[in-house]
Protein backbone atom coordinates (compact mmCIF):
# COMPACT_ATOMS: atom_id res chain seq x y z
CA MET A 1 -4.71 192.29 74.34
CA THR A 2 -1.81 192.78 76.75
CA PRO A 3 -3.00 192.68 80.37
CA LEU A 4 -2.64 195.83 82.42
CA LYS A 5 -3.66 196.14 86.06
CA ILE A 6 -5.57 199.40 86.58
CA ILE A 7 -5.39 200.50 90.21
CA LEU A 8 -7.91 203.15 91.25
CA GLU A 9 -6.71 203.28 94.86
CA GLY A 10 -3.02 203.79 94.06
CA ASP A 11 -1.63 205.16 97.34
CA GLY A 12 0.71 202.45 98.59
CA ALA A 13 0.23 200.34 95.46
CA PHE A 14 3.99 199.84 94.99
CA PRO A 15 5.40 199.59 98.53
CA LYS A 16 8.80 198.13 97.58
CA ILE A 17 9.53 200.62 94.78
CA ASP A 18 10.73 204.21 95.18
CA ILE A 19 8.21 205.91 92.90
CA ASP A 20 9.73 209.34 93.57
CA GLY A 21 13.06 208.35 92.05
CA GLY A 22 12.30 208.24 88.34
CA GLU A 23 11.24 210.92 85.92
CA LEU A 24 8.78 210.65 83.05
CA LYS A 25 10.63 211.99 80.01
CA ALA A 26 8.36 211.28 77.04
CA ILE A 27 5.21 209.54 75.90
CA ALA A 28 4.56 208.57 72.29
CA VAL A 29 1.90 206.84 70.23
CA LEU A 30 3.17 204.21 67.81
CA GLU A 31 0.81 203.89 64.85
CA ALA A 32 1.07 200.09 64.56
CA GLY A 33 2.95 199.28 67.75
CA MET A 34 0.95 196.20 68.69
CA SER A 35 1.59 192.86 66.98
CA GLY A 36 -1.89 192.99 65.41
CA GLY A 37 -1.21 196.41 63.92
CA SER A 38 -3.23 198.57 66.33
CA PRO A 39 -1.70 201.65 68.00
CA SER A 40 0.35 201.42 71.17
CA VAL A 41 1.69 203.94 73.65
CA ALA A 42 5.33 203.96 74.73
CA VAL A 43 6.52 205.75 77.88
CA LEU A 44 10.15 206.72 78.45
CA LEU A 45 11.31 206.87 82.08
CA GLU A 46 14.70 208.01 83.34
CA LEU A 47 15.88 206.40 86.58
CA PRO A 48 18.00 208.25 89.17
CA THR A 49 21.02 206.31 87.86
CA GLY A 50 20.51 207.86 84.42
CA GLU A 51 19.36 204.56 82.98
CA LYS A 52 16.38 204.87 80.63
CA VAL A 53 13.48 202.42 80.52
CA VAL A 54 10.65 202.18 77.99
CA ALA A 55 7.31 200.57 78.76
CA GLN A 56 4.69 199.95 76.11
CA THR A 57 1.00 199.01 76.12
CA SER A 58 -1.94 199.36 73.78
CA LEU A 59 -3.61 202.70 73.22
CA ALA A 60 -6.91 200.99 74.09
CA LEU A 61 -5.65 199.97 77.55
CA ILE A 62 -4.17 203.40 78.33
CA ALA A 63 -7.37 205.10 77.16
CA THR A 64 -9.45 202.79 79.36
CA ALA A 65 -7.25 203.49 82.39
CA ILE A 66 -7.44 207.25 81.85
CA ASP A 67 -11.22 207.08 81.41
CA MET A 68 -11.47 205.23 84.74
CA PHE A 69 -9.21 207.78 86.49
CA ILE A 70 -11.32 210.66 85.13
CA VAL A 71 -14.55 209.03 86.30
CA LYS A 72 -13.05 208.69 89.79
CA HIS A 73 -11.29 212.07 90.06
CA GLY A 74 -12.87 214.31 87.42
CA ASP A 75 -11.22 215.74 84.32
CA PRO A 76 -8.31 217.98 85.39
CA ARG A 77 -8.37 219.72 81.98
CA ALA A 78 -11.68 221.37 82.93
CA ALA A 79 -9.88 223.74 85.33
CA VAL A 80 -7.40 224.97 82.73
CA MET A 81 -9.55 224.63 79.59
CA PRO A 82 -13.15 225.36 80.68
CA ASP A 83 -14.39 225.66 77.07
CA ALA A 84 -12.85 222.37 75.92
CA PRO A 85 -15.32 219.76 74.67
CA PRO A 86 -15.81 216.71 76.91
CA GLY A 87 -13.35 213.93 76.22
CA GLY A 88 -10.57 216.08 74.80
CA SER A 89 -10.10 218.13 71.68
CA ASN A 90 -12.13 218.49 68.45
């Protein structure tokens, strides 16, 4: 599995990078994006220069990171979808 550092205390985590400069344009799941055939998630970012950058990781790692963020901060969907089942849709 591709390593991914999950930072739960993210304020100041990237001191030498202007994190306000780019814009998240799209996120997509790739059915067999990993070399072993499991799903991956690709994120498209547009930099202030107009240059586009794609980053990719496994769906399992993104799901784990999001689970950890929700445990720490609560599920923000609860405020806008109070009748939604826990953990997303179904």
